[in-house]
Amino acid sequence: MKNHRNYLKVTLDMFVIQLMWAFGVLGVLLIVQIFKLFFGNNTDQYYSAFFIIANIFTFVIGIIAIHFLPYYVENGVTRKDYFKGATLASIGLAIILPFLAWGISALTQLILQSISSLTFKEPNLDAMTNDGNLVGDIIQFLILTPYVNPENNLILSLGIFSLNILMYYLAGWLIGAAFYRYHTVIGLGFIAMTLAVLTLVNVLVRNTLNLPVLENYSFIDLPRNIAIPVIVLIALILIGSIRSITKDVTIKMH
C-alpha cells in the first residue's frame, strides 16, 4: 500500500467492515422487534432499542479496532495512517448509525401500523433509580446514556446518539490499545479510567440537556457553556491518548 493517501484506504476498509457488523446487529434487532410485536401487545421503538444496544456494540468494536493495526503495518501502512483512517471511520459510523436506526424505525412503524393495530411504546430512558448499589448504579448509568426522543427534536436526538456512539467507540479503542501495548494490570487501570471518563461525559451531557442525574454525581454541575467545551476536550484527549499509545507500539506478528 505505497500511497500518500493510505489513510483514506484504511478509512474505507474499516468503515465498510464495521458497518457490515452493524448491519448484522441491526438485522437481528429488527427480527427480535418484529417477533415481539406479533407475540405481544406492544414493544419499544426500534430507535430506542438500538440506542441502548449501540453503546455496547460500538464499545466492543472499538476494542477490536486495535487488531486492524498489525494487518495494515504488515502491508506497508504507517501507524499514523492507521490512526487517521480508524479515527475517520469511527466518526463515519457515529454519523451514519443513528440515521440508519431512525430510518428503519420510521419505516417499520409505518408498515406495521398500516396493516395492524400494533402499538409502540417509548421507554423512559432518562429515568434514574438509585438503589444504593454503587456497582449497579454505575452500570445503569453507563448503559442508559442521555436520550432525546426523535419525535420531540430529531436533530438533537441524532446528535446525542452520534456523540454516545463516538465516545463509546473511542473508549473501547483506548482500552484495546492499552491492553495491546501494556500488560494486564495497566490495561485494567485503563478500564477504570475510561469508565470514569464515560461517566463524566454522561453527567455533563445530562447537565446540558437538563436531564436527571444520580445523586452520587449531583456535585458535577457545570453550566452549559462550560460543559459542552469540556465534552469536546474529553473526546480530543481520548483521541490523543490513542495516538500516543499506538504511534510507536511494537507490532505483534502472527
Protein backbone atom coordinates (compact mmCIF):
# COMPACT_ATOMS: atom_id res chain seq x y z
CA MET A 1 0.00 0.00 0.00
CA LYS A 2 2.55 2.59 -1.13
CA ASN A 3 0.35 5.62 -1.32
CA HIS A 4 0.40 9.02 0.34
CA ARG A 5 -3.33 8.65 0.99
CA ASN A 6 -3.21 5.25 2.64
CA TYR A 7 -5.30 6.59 5.50
CA LEU A 8 -8.26 7.00 3.14
CA LYS A 9 -7.98 3.33 2.18
CA VAL A 10 -7.88 2.44 5.88
CA THR A 11 -10.90 4.66 6.48
CA LEU A 12 -12.93 2.97 3.76
CA ASP A 13 -11.84 -0.54 4.75
CA MET A 14 -12.60 -0.16 8.45
CA PHE A 15 -15.80 1.79 7.86
CA VAL A 16 -17.22 -0.84 5.49
CA ILE A 17 -16.18 -3.81 7.64
CA GLN A 18 -17.57 -2.31 10.84
CA LEU A 19 -20.70 -1.13 9.06
CA MET A 20 -21.29 -4.73 7.92
CA TRP A 21 -21.05 -5.81 11.55
CA ALA A 22 -23.54 -3.08 12.42
CA PHE A 23 -25.94 -4.29 9.73
CA GLY A 24 -25.81 -7.71 11.37
CA VAL A 25 -26.80 -6.22 14.73
CA LEU A 26 -29.48 -4.04 13.13
CA GLY A 27 -30.92 -7.06 11.31
CA VAL A 28 -31.03 -9.28 14.40
CA LEU A 29 -32.66 -6.48 16.40
CA LEU A 30 -35.26 -5.98 13.66
CA ILE A 31 -36.16 -9.68 13.75
CA VAL A 32 -36.46 -9.55 17.55
CA GLN A 33 -38.63 -6.43 17.39
CA ILE A 34 -40.98 -7.97 14.81
CA PHE A 35 -41.22 -11.17 16.87
CA LYS A 36 -42.10 -9.15 19.98
CA LEU A 37 -44.70 -7.18 18.05
CA PHE A 38 -46.60 -10.24 16.88
CA PHE A 39 -46.39 -12.10 20.18
CA GLY A 40 -47.12 -9.17 22.48
CA ASN A 41 -49.34 -6.12 22.71
CA ASN A 42 -46.58 -3.61 22.15
CA THR A 43 -42.84 -3.17 22.02
CA ASP A 44 -40.20 -0.50 22.35
CA GLN A 45 -39.50 1.64 19.32
CA TYR A 46 -36.69 0.25 17.17
CA TYR A 47 -34.77 3.51 17.52
CA SER A 48 -34.73 3.48 21.31
CA ALA A 49 -33.93 -0.25 21.40
CA PHE A 50 -30.88 0.22 19.16
CA PHE A 51 -29.92 3.33 21.13
CA ILE A 52 -29.18 1.11 24.13
CA ILE A 53 -27.53 -1.69 22.16
CA ALA A 54 -25.37 0.70 20.12
CA ASN A 55 -23.33 1.76 23.14
CA ILE A 56 -22.30 -1.81 23.91
CA PHE A 57 -21.78 -2.68 20.24
CA THR A 58 -19.55 0.30 19.44
CA PHE A 59 -17.61 -0.17 22.67
CA VAL A 60 -16.82 -3.74 21.59
CA ILE A 61 -15.83 -2.88 18.02
CA GLY A 62 -13.72 -0.06 19.43
CA ILE A 63 -11.78 -2.66 21.42
CA ILE A 64 -11.43 -4.79 18.29
CA ALA A 65 -10.21 -1.80 16.22
CA ILE A 66 -6.65 -2.13 17.54
CA HIS A 67 -6.36 -5.55 15.91
CA PHE A 68 -6.54 -3.96 12.45
CA LEU A 69 -3.17 -2.33 13.16
CA PRO A 70 -0.90 -5.40 12.63
CA TYR A 71 -2.58 -6.16 9.30
CA TYR A 72 -2.04 -2.66 7.97
CA VAL A 73 1.53 -2.36 9.22
CA GLU A 74 2.38 -5.72 7.63
CA ASN A 75 1.05 -4.29 4.35
CA GLY A 76 3.13 -1.14 4.48
CA VAL A 77 0.69 1.26 6.11
CA THR A 78 2.20 3.53 8.77
CA ARG A 79 0.84 3.66 12.30
CA LYS A 80 -0.11 7.28 11.65
CA ASP A 81 -2.18 6.39 8.59
CA TYR A 82 -3.86 3.57 10.52
CA PHE A 83 -4.71 6.01 13.31
CA LYS A 84 -6.07 8.66 10.95
CA GLY A 85 -8.09 6.13 8.98
CA ALA A 86 -9.53 4.42 12.04
CA THR A 87 -10.45 7.77 13.58
CA LEU A 88 -12.29 8.88 10.44
CA ALA A 89 -14.04 5.50 10.24
CA SER A 90 -15.25 5.86 13.83
CA ILE A 91 -16.63 9.33 13.08
CA GLY A 92 -18.36 7.97 9.98
CA LEU A 93 -20.01 5.20 11.99
CA ALA A 94 -21.08 7.68 14.66
CA ILE A 95 -22.81 9.76 11.99
CA ILE A 96 -24.49 7.06 9.92
CA LEU A 97 -25.69 4.57 12.55
CA PRO A 98 -28.24 6.94 14.18
CA PHE A 99 -29.68 7.76 10.75
CA LEU A 100 -29.96 4.05 9.89
CA ALA A 101 -31.69 3.30 13.19
CA TRP A 102 -34.09 6.21 12.75
CA GLY A 103 -34.87 5.26 9.14
CA ILE A 104 -35.52 1.60 9.97
CA SER A 105 -37.62 2.61 12.98
CA ALA A 106 -39.78 5.02 10.97
CA LEU A 107 -40.23 2.54 8.12
CA THR A 108 -41.16 -0.42 10.32
CA GLN A 109 -43.66 1.65 12.30
CA LEU A 110 -45.25 2.96 9.11
CA ILE A 111 -45.60 -0.51 7.57
CA LEU A 112 -46.70 -2.42 10.65
CA GLN A 113 -49.17 0.19 11.87
CA SER A 114 -50.77 0.31 8.41
CA ILE A 115 -51.51 -3.43 8.43
CA SER A 116 -52.36 -3.98 12.09
CA SER A 117 -53.34 -2.35 15.36
CA LEU A 118 -49.94 -2.94 16.92
CA THR A 119 -48.66 -0.16 19.16
CA PHE A 120 -45.19 1.06 20.00
CA LYS A 121 -44.16 2.37 23.39
CA GLU A 122 -41.46 4.90 24.14
CA PRO A 123 -39.47 3.80 27.20
CA ASN A 124 -38.27 6.36 29.70
CA LEU A 125 -34.54 6.04 29.18
CA ASP A 126 -33.87 9.07 31.33
CA ALA A 127 -35.31 7.56 34.50
CA MET A 128 -32.55 7.05 37.06
CA THR A 129 -33.10 4.79 40.09
CA ASN A 130 -30.59 4.79 42.93
CA ASP A 131 -30.78 1.51 44.86
CA GLY A 132 -27.66 2.13 46.94
CA ASN A 133 -25.59 -0.41 45.00
CA LEU A 134 -22.61 1.55 43.67
CA VAL A 135 -21.64 -1.01 41.02
CA GLY A 136 -25.25 -1.37 39.88
CA ASP A 137 -25.66 2.41 39.72
CA ILE A 138 -22.52 2.77 37.59
CA ILE A 139 -23.61 0.03 35.17
CA GLN A 140 -27.10 1.55 34.88
CA PHE A 141 -25.61 4.98 34.32
CA LEU A 142 -23.26 3.74 31.59
CA ILE A 143 -25.96 1.77 29.75
CA LEU A 144 -28.72 4.38 29.99
CA THR A 145 -26.89 7.24 28.33
CA PRO A 146 -28.67 10.59 27.76
CA TYR A 147 -31.57 10.16 25.36
CA VAL A 148 -33.73 12.59 23.39
CA ASN A 149 -36.92 11.37 21.71
CA PRO A 150 -36.55 11.92 17.93
CA GLU A 151 -40.24 12.87 17.76
CA ASN A 152 -39.51 15.84 20.02
CA ASN A 153 -36.27 17.04 18.45
CA LEU A 154 -34.86 14.90 15.64
CA ILE A 155 -31.62 16.84 15.08
CA LEU A 156 -30.75 16.92 18.79
CA SER A 157 -31.69 13.26 19.16
CA LEU A 158 -29.42 12.18 16.29
CA GLY A 159 -26.64 14.43 17.57
CA ILE A 160 -26.72 12.96 21.08
CA PHE A 161 -26.90 9.45 19.62
CA SER A 162 -23.82 10.16 17.47
CA LEU A 163 -21.94 11.59 20.45
CA ASN A 164 -22.67 8.49 22.53
CA ILE A 165 -21.51 6.16 19.75
CA LEU A 166 -18.28 8.10 19.18
CA MET A 167 -17.43 8.28 22.89
CA TYR A 168 -18.03 4.58 23.47
CA TYR A 169 -16.06 3.65 20.36
CA LEU A 170 -13.11 5.79 21.46
CA ALA A 171 -13.32 4.36 24.97
CA GLY A 172 -13.22 0.80 23.65
CA TRP A 173 -10.39 1.64 21.26
CA LEU A 174 -8.33 3.17 24.06
CA ILE A 175 -8.80 0.09 26.24
CA GLY A 176 -7.92 -2.22 23.35
CA ALA A 177 -4.80 -0.20 22.57
CA ALA A 178 -3.74 -0.21 26.23
CA PHE A 179 -4.05 -3.99 26.51
CA TYR A 180 -2.23 -4.41 23.19
CA ARG A 181 0.75 -2.31 24.27
CA TYR A 182 0.94 -2.84 28.03
CA HIS A 183 0.46 -5.72 30.43
CA THR A 184 -2.82 -6.70 32.05
CA VAL A 185 -2.51 -4.59 35.20
CA ILE A 186 -2.07 -1.37 33.23
CA GLY A 187 -4.89 -2.44 30.90
CA LEU A 188 -7.20 -2.86 33.88
CA GLY A 189 -6.19 0.59 35.04
CA PHE A 190 -7.24 1.99 31.66
CA ILE A 191 -10.62 0.26 32.02
CA ALA A 192 -11.22 2.01 35.35
CA MET A 193 -10.07 5.35 33.95
CA THR A 194 -12.19 5.01 30.81
CA LEU A 195 -15.33 4.08 32.75
CA ALA A 196 -14.79 7.18 34.88
CA VAL A 197 -14.45 9.30 31.73
CA LEU A 198 -17.66 7.86 30.22
CA THR A 199 -19.48 8.54 33.48
CA LEU A 200 -18.25 12.14 33.47
CA VAL A 201 -19.38 12.64 29.87
CA ASN A 202 -22.78 11.14 30.76
CA VAL A 203 -23.18 13.61 33.62
CA LEU A 204 -22.06 16.58 31.53
CA VAL A 205 -24.49 15.74 28.71
CA ARG A 206 -27.30 15.32 31.23
CA ASN A 207 -26.44 18.70 32.72
CA THR A 208 -26.53 20.24 29.26
CA LEU A 209 -29.94 18.70 28.48
CA ASN A 210 -31.36 19.25 31.99
CA LEU A 211 -31.87 15.51 32.45
CA PRO A 212 -31.84 13.76 35.86
CA VAL A 213 -28.51 12.68 37.33
CA LEU A 214 -27.87 10.06 40.00
CA GLU A 215 -27.42 11.61 43.43
CA ASN A 216 -23.86 10.27 43.65
CA TYR A 217 -22.87 12.53 40.74
CA SER A 218 -25.02 15.56 41.51
CA PHE A 219 -21.94 17.50 42.64
CA ILE A 220 -20.84 17.68 38.99
CA ASP A 221 -22.99 20.58 37.87
CA LEU A 222 -21.42 22.68 35.15
CA PRO A 223 -23.27 25.34 33.13
CA ARG A 224 -23.95 24.50 29.50
CA ASN A 225 -21.40 26.96 28.10
CA ILE A 226 -18.67 25.13 30.06
CA ALA A 227 -19.98 21.54 29.84
CA ILE A 228 -20.01 21.46 26.03
CA PRO A 229 -16.35 22.55 25.59
CA VAL A 230 -15.34 20.07 28.30
CA ILE A 231 -17.06 17.23 26.40
CA VAL A 232 -15.21 18.21 23.21
CA LEU A 233 -11.94 18.38 25.17
CA ILE A 234 -12.53 14.90 26.61
CA ALA A 235 -13.08 13.48 23.11
CA LEU A 236 -9.84 15.10 21.91
CA ILE A 237 -7.95 13.74 24.93
CA LEU A 238 -9.22 10.23 24.19
CA ILE A 239 -8.12 10.55 20.56
CA GLY A 240 -4.75 11.98 21.59
CA SER A 241 -4.22 9.19 24.12
CA ILE A 242 -4.91 6.54 21.48
CA ARG A 243 -2.43 8.20 19.13
CA SER A 244 0.19 8.36 21.88
CA ILE A 245 -0.19 4.64 22.64
CA THR A 246 -0.20 3.46 19.03
CA LYS A 247 2.36 5.74 17.37
CA ASP A 248 5.37 3.57 18.26
CA VAL A 249 3.78 0.39 19.59
CA THR A 250 5.58 -2.87 18.84
CA ILE A 251 3.57 -4.91 16.34
CA LYS A 252 2.81 -8.45 17.42
CA MET A 253 3.20 -10.58 14.31
CA HIS A 254 1.11 -13.75 14.00
